[in-house]
Amino acid sequence: GDVLAELLGRLMDQCSRAHAARQSLPFALGRARDALLRIVRWRFPARDEGETGPEGDGAWREDEEPQPRQPDSWAQGSVPVLRVRPSPCSGEVRRDTPHP
């Protein structure tokens, strides 16, 4: 039994080496071809013919101004507000404490 297992082990090892040797060249050539094609496509990009009628589809027209939105009630008080009041003396400005 051990001799047969040893012989089958060697045979399978030789078969797998032969299979790998047969597959390595086509694999390497395929990878090299893919890399070369990727480089050529990167170096020489396809020419963009542009749009045939950009005026007709509305993509180049100016957008309408958006409507103002309502203030978000959840955001009230999240940013402190400094109220500035002029002081009785000319040229001086007094700042109140921030309101939450």
N, C-alpha and C. Protein backbone atom coordinates (compact mmCIF):
# COMPACT_ATOMS: atom_id res chain seq x y z
N GLY A 1 0.78 -1.19 0.00
CA GLY A 1 0.00 0.00 0.00
C GLY A 1 0.82 1.26 0.00
N ASP A 2 1.95 1.27 0.80
CA ASP A 2 2.75 2.49 0.89
C ASP A 2 3.48 2.77 -0.42
N VAL A 3 3.90 1.71 -1.11
CA VAL A 3 4.62 1.87 -2.37
C VAL A 3 3.68 2.46 -3.42
N LEU A 4 2.47 1.98 -3.45
CA LEU A 4 1.49 2.49 -4.40
C LEU A 4 1.15 3.96 -4.11
N ALA A 5 0.99 4.32 -2.83
CA ALA A 5 0.71 5.71 -2.45
C ALA A 5 1.88 6.61 -2.82
N GLU A 6 3.10 6.12 -2.61
CA GLU A 6 4.30 6.89 -2.98
C GLU A 6 4.36 7.10 -4.49
N LEU A 7 4.10 6.05 -5.24
CA LEU A 7 4.12 6.14 -6.70
C LEU A 7 3.04 7.09 -7.21
N LEU A 8 1.81 7.00 -6.66
CA LEU A 8 0.74 7.91 -7.07
C LEU A 8 1.05 9.36 -6.69
N GLY A 9 1.66 9.57 -5.54
CA GLY A 9 2.06 10.91 -5.13
C GLY A 9 3.05 11.53 -6.08
N ARG A 10 4.06 10.76 -6.48
CA ARG A 10 5.06 11.26 -7.43
C ARG A 10 4.43 11.54 -8.79
N LEU A 11 3.56 10.63 -9.23
CA LEU A 11 2.88 10.81 -10.51
C LEU A 11 2.03 12.09 -10.52
N MET A 12 1.26 12.31 -9.46
CA MET A 12 0.42 13.52 -9.38
C MET A 12 1.27 14.78 -9.31
N ASP A 13 2.40 14.72 -8.63
CA ASP A 13 3.31 15.86 -8.55
C ASP A 13 3.85 16.20 -9.93
N GLN A 14 4.27 15.18 -10.68
CA GLN A 14 4.77 15.40 -12.04
C GLN A 14 3.68 15.94 -12.97
N CYS A 15 2.46 15.41 -12.81
CA CYS A 15 1.35 15.89 -13.64
C CYS A 15 1.03 17.35 -13.35
N SER A 16 1.03 17.74 -12.09
CA SER A 16 0.72 19.13 -11.75
C SER A 16 1.82 20.07 -12.23
N ARG A 17 3.08 19.63 -12.16
CA ARG A 17 4.18 20.46 -12.68
C ARG A 17 4.07 20.63 -14.20
N ALA A 18 3.73 19.56 -14.91
CA ALA A 18 3.58 19.65 -16.37
C ALA A 18 2.41 20.55 -16.74
N HIS A 19 1.33 20.44 -16.00
CA HIS A 19 0.17 21.30 -16.27
C HIS A 19 0.51 22.76 -16.02
N ALA A 20 1.20 23.05 -14.92
CA ALA A 20 1.59 24.43 -14.61
C ALA A 20 2.53 24.98 -15.67
N ALA A 21 3.45 24.13 -16.16
CA ALA A 21 4.38 24.58 -17.21
C ALA A 21 3.65 24.90 -18.50
N ARG A 22 2.63 24.07 -18.82
CA ARG A 22 1.86 24.34 -20.05
C ARG A 22 1.01 25.60 -19.91
N GLN A 23 0.54 25.91 -18.72
CA GLN A 23 -0.35 27.06 -18.53
C GLN A 23 0.39 28.36 -18.27
N SER A 24 1.64 28.32 -17.87
CA SER A 24 2.34 29.55 -17.48
C SER A 24 2.58 30.49 -18.66
N LEU A 25 2.96 29.96 -19.81
CA LEU A 25 3.22 30.82 -20.96
C LEU A 25 1.95 31.50 -21.47
N PRO A 26 0.83 30.79 -21.70
CA PRO A 26 -0.38 31.49 -22.13
C PRO A 26 -0.87 32.52 -21.09
N PHE A 27 -0.73 32.20 -19.82
CA PHE A 27 -1.14 33.14 -18.78
C PHE A 27 -0.29 34.40 -18.82
N ALA A 28 1.03 34.22 -18.91
CA ALA A 28 1.94 35.37 -18.94
C ALA A 28 1.70 36.22 -20.19
N LEU A 29 1.47 35.58 -21.33
CA LEU A 29 1.20 36.34 -22.55
C LEU A 29 -0.12 37.11 -22.46
N GLY A 30 -1.12 36.49 -21.89
CA GLY A 30 -2.41 37.18 -21.73
C GLY A 30 -2.30 38.39 -20.82
N ARG A 31 -1.57 38.23 -19.72
CA ARG A 31 -1.39 39.37 -18.80
C ARG A 31 -0.59 40.49 -19.45
N ALA A 32 0.45 40.13 -20.20
CA ALA A 32 1.26 41.14 -20.89
C ALA A 32 0.43 41.88 -21.93
N ARG A 33 -0.41 41.13 -22.68
CA ARG A 33 -1.28 41.77 -23.68
C ARG A 33 -2.25 42.73 -23.01
N ASP A 34 -2.86 42.32 -21.90
CA ASP A 34 -3.80 43.19 -21.20
C ASP A 34 -3.12 44.46 -20.70
N ALA A 35 -1.91 44.31 -20.17
CA ALA A 35 -1.17 45.48 -19.68
C ALA A 35 -0.81 46.42 -20.82
N LEU A 36 -0.39 45.86 -21.94
CA LEU A 36 -0.03 46.68 -23.10
C LEU A 36 -1.25 47.42 -23.65
N LEU A 37 -2.39 46.73 -23.74
CA LEU A 37 -3.61 47.39 -24.21
C LEU A 37 -4.05 48.49 -23.27
N ARG A 38 -3.91 48.26 -21.97
CA ARG A 38 -4.28 49.29 -21.00
C ARG A 38 -3.40 50.53 -21.16
N ILE A 39 -2.11 50.33 -21.38
CA ILE A 39 -1.19 51.46 -21.58
C ILE A 39 -1.52 52.21 -22.86
N VAL A 40 -1.80 51.48 -23.95
CA VAL A 40 -2.13 52.13 -25.23
C VAL A 40 -3.43 52.92 -25.11
N ARG A 41 -4.43 52.36 -24.44
CA ARG A 41 -5.70 53.09 -24.26
C ARG A 41 -5.51 54.33 -23.40
N TRP A 42 -4.63 54.24 -22.41
CA TRP A 42 -4.36 55.40 -21.55
C TRP A 42 -3.59 56.46 -22.33
N ARG A 43 -2.64 56.05 -23.16
CA ARG A 43 -1.80 57.00 -23.89
C ARG A 43 -2.54 57.62 -25.07
N PHE A 44 -3.39 56.85 -25.73
CA PHE A 44 -4.12 57.33 -26.90
C PHE A 44 -5.62 57.20 -26.65
N PRO A 45 -6.22 58.14 -25.91
CA PRO A 45 -7.65 58.03 -25.63
C PRO A 45 -8.49 58.22 -26.89
N ALA A 46 -9.68 57.67 -26.86
CA ALA A 46 -10.59 57.79 -28.00
C ALA A 46 -11.03 59.25 -28.14
N ARG A 47 -11.21 59.68 -29.37
CA ARG A 47 -11.61 61.06 -29.64
C ARG A 47 -13.08 61.24 -29.31
N ASP A 48 -13.38 62.31 -28.57
CA ASP A 48 -14.76 62.63 -28.24
C ASP A 48 -15.36 63.45 -29.38
N GLU A 49 -16.41 62.93 -29.98
CA GLU A 49 -17.04 63.62 -31.10
C GLU A 49 -17.92 64.77 -30.64
N GLY A 50 -18.19 64.85 -29.37
CA GLY A 50 -19.02 65.94 -28.87
C GLY A 50 -20.50 65.64 -29.02
N GLU A 51 -21.29 66.61 -28.61
CA GLU A 51 -22.74 66.46 -28.70
C GLU A 51 -23.22 66.98 -30.04
N THR A 52 -24.24 66.34 -30.59
CA THR A 52 -24.73 66.74 -31.90
C THR A 52 -25.58 68.01 -31.82
N GLY A 53 -26.42 68.12 -30.82
CA GLY A 53 -27.27 69.30 -30.70
C GLY A 53 -27.44 69.71 -29.25
N PRO A 54 -26.42 70.30 -28.62
CA PRO A 54 -26.53 70.61 -27.20
C PRO A 54 -27.58 71.68 -26.89
N GLU A 55 -27.93 72.50 -27.86
CA GLU A 55 -28.91 73.55 -27.60
C GLU A 55 -30.32 72.97 -27.46
N GLY A 56 -30.59 71.90 -28.15
CA GLY A 56 -31.93 71.34 -28.19
C GLY A 56 -32.31 70.52 -26.97
N ASP A 57 -31.35 69.92 -26.27
CA ASP A 57 -31.72 69.05 -25.17
C ASP A 57 -31.82 69.76 -23.83
N GLY A 58 -31.46 71.02 -23.76
CA GLY A 58 -31.62 71.78 -22.53
C GLY A 58 -30.47 71.64 -21.56
N ALA A 59 -29.46 70.88 -21.88
CA ALA A 59 -28.35 70.69 -20.96
C ALA A 59 -27.49 71.94 -20.84
N TRP A 60 -27.51 72.81 -21.84
CA TRP A 60 -26.65 73.99 -21.82
C TRP A 60 -27.41 75.26 -21.47
N ARG A 61 -28.67 75.13 -21.12
CA ARG A 61 -29.42 76.32 -20.73
C ARG A 61 -29.14 76.68 -19.28
N GLU A 62 -29.31 77.95 -18.97
CA GLU A 62 -29.07 78.42 -17.60
C GLU A 62 -30.16 77.89 -16.68
N ASP A 63 -29.77 77.46 -15.49
CA ASP A 63 -30.73 76.97 -14.51
C ASP A 63 -31.52 78.12 -13.92
N GLU A 64 -32.74 77.79 -13.46
CA GLU A 64 -33.54 78.80 -12.78
C GLU A 64 -33.02 78.96 -11.36
N GLU A 65 -33.20 80.15 -10.82
CA GLU A 65 -32.74 80.40 -9.46
C GLU A 65 -33.63 79.64 -8.49
N PRO A 66 -33.04 78.96 -7.50
CA PRO A 66 -33.85 78.18 -6.57
C PRO A 66 -34.66 79.07 -5.64
N GLN A 67 -35.78 78.54 -5.18
CA GLN A 67 -36.63 79.25 -4.24
C GLN A 67 -35.98 79.24 -2.85
N PRO A 68 -36.12 80.31 -2.09
CA PRO A 68 -35.54 80.30 -0.74
C PRO A 68 -36.26 79.27 0.13
N ARG A 69 -35.53 78.62 0.99
CA ARG A 69 -36.06 77.58 1.86
C ARG A 69 -36.44 78.15 3.21
N GLN A 70 -37.34 77.45 3.88
CA GLN A 70 -37.72 77.82 5.24
C GLN A 70 -36.57 77.50 6.19
N PRO A 71 -36.37 78.32 7.22
CA PRO A 71 -35.31 78.00 8.18
C PRO A 71 -35.60 76.68 8.88
N ASP A 72 -34.57 75.99 9.23
CA ASP A 72 -34.69 74.71 9.91
C ASP A 72 -34.87 74.97 11.40
N SER A 73 -35.99 74.52 11.95
CA SER A 73 -36.27 74.78 13.36
C SER A 73 -35.33 74.00 14.27
N TRP A 74 -34.73 72.94 13.79
CA TRP A 74 -33.81 72.17 14.61
C TRP A 74 -32.47 72.88 14.77
N ALA A 75 -32.14 73.78 13.87
CA ALA A 75 -30.84 74.44 13.92
C ALA A 75 -30.84 75.69 14.79
N GLN A 76 -31.97 76.13 15.27
CA GLN A 76 -32.00 77.35 16.08
C GLN A 76 -31.18 77.15 17.35
N GLY A 77 -30.33 78.11 17.63
CA GLY A 77 -29.53 78.08 18.84
C GLY A 77 -28.26 77.26 18.71
N SER A 78 -28.00 76.65 17.58
CA SER A 78 -26.79 75.85 17.46
C SER A 78 -25.57 76.71 17.19
N VAL A 79 -25.75 77.91 16.66
CA VAL A 79 -24.66 78.84 16.41
C VAL A 79 -24.89 80.07 17.27
N PRO A 80 -23.93 80.44 18.14
CA PRO A 80 -24.15 81.61 18.99
C PRO A 80 -24.21 82.89 18.15
N VAL A 81 -25.08 83.79 18.56
CA VAL A 81 -25.28 85.05 17.86
C VAL A 81 -24.73 86.17 18.73
N LEU A 82 -23.85 87.00 18.16
CA LEU A 82 -23.33 88.16 18.87
C LEU A 82 -24.12 89.38 18.41
N ARG A 83 -24.74 90.04 19.34
CA ARG A 83 -25.48 91.25 19.01
C ARG A 83 -24.58 92.44 19.29
N VAL A 84 -24.42 93.30 18.29
CA VAL A 84 -23.55 94.46 18.42
C VAL A 84 -24.42 95.69 18.52
N ARG A 85 -24.20 96.45 19.60
CA ARG A 85 -24.93 97.71 19.78
C ARG A 85 -23.92 98.85 19.91
N PRO A 86 -24.21 99.97 19.30
CA PRO A 86 -23.29 101.10 19.46
C PRO A 86 -23.38 101.62 20.90
N SER A 87 -22.22 101.99 21.44
CA SER A 87 -22.19 102.53 22.81
C SER A 87 -22.49 104.02 22.78
N PRO A 88 -22.80 104.58 23.92
CA PRO A 88 -23.11 106.02 23.96
C PRO A 88 -21.94 106.89 23.51
N CYS A 89 -20.72 106.43 23.69
CA CYS A 89 -19.56 107.21 23.24
C CYS A 89 -19.39 106.99 21.75
N SER A 90 -18.96 108.00 21.04
CA SER A 90 -18.81 107.86 19.59
C SER A 90 -17.61 107.00 19.24
N GLY A 91 -17.76 106.16 18.24
CA GLY A 91 -16.66 105.36 17.74
C GLY A 91 -16.45 104.04 18.48
N GLU A 92 -17.09 103.81 19.60
CA GLU A 92 -16.91 102.56 20.33
C GLU A 92 -18.08 101.63 20.05
N VAL A 93 -17.78 100.37 20.00
CA VAL A 93 -18.82 99.36 19.80
C VAL A 93 -18.75 98.39 20.96
N ARG A 94 -19.89 98.13 21.58
CA ARG A 94 -19.94 97.20 22.71
C ARG A 94 -20.61 95.92 22.26
N ARG A 95 -20.05 94.79 22.67
CA ARG A 95 -20.63 93.49 22.32
C ARG A 95 -21.31 92.92 23.53
N ASP A 96 -22.50 92.43 23.28
CA ASP A 96 -23.22 91.72 24.32
C ASP A 96 -22.67 90.31 24.42
N THR A 97 -23.03 89.63 25.46
CA THR A 97 -22.66 88.21 25.58
C THR A 97 -23.43 87.41 24.53
N PRO A 98 -22.84 86.31 24.07
CA PRO A 98 -23.55 85.51 23.05
C PRO A 98 -24.84 84.93 23.61
N HIS A 99 -25.83 84.88 22.74
CA HIS A 99 -27.11 84.27 23.09
C HIS A 99 -27.14 82.86 22.56
N PRO A 100 -27.57 81.90 23.38
CA PRO A 100 -27.61 80.51 22.87
C PRO A 100 -28.67 80.28 21.85
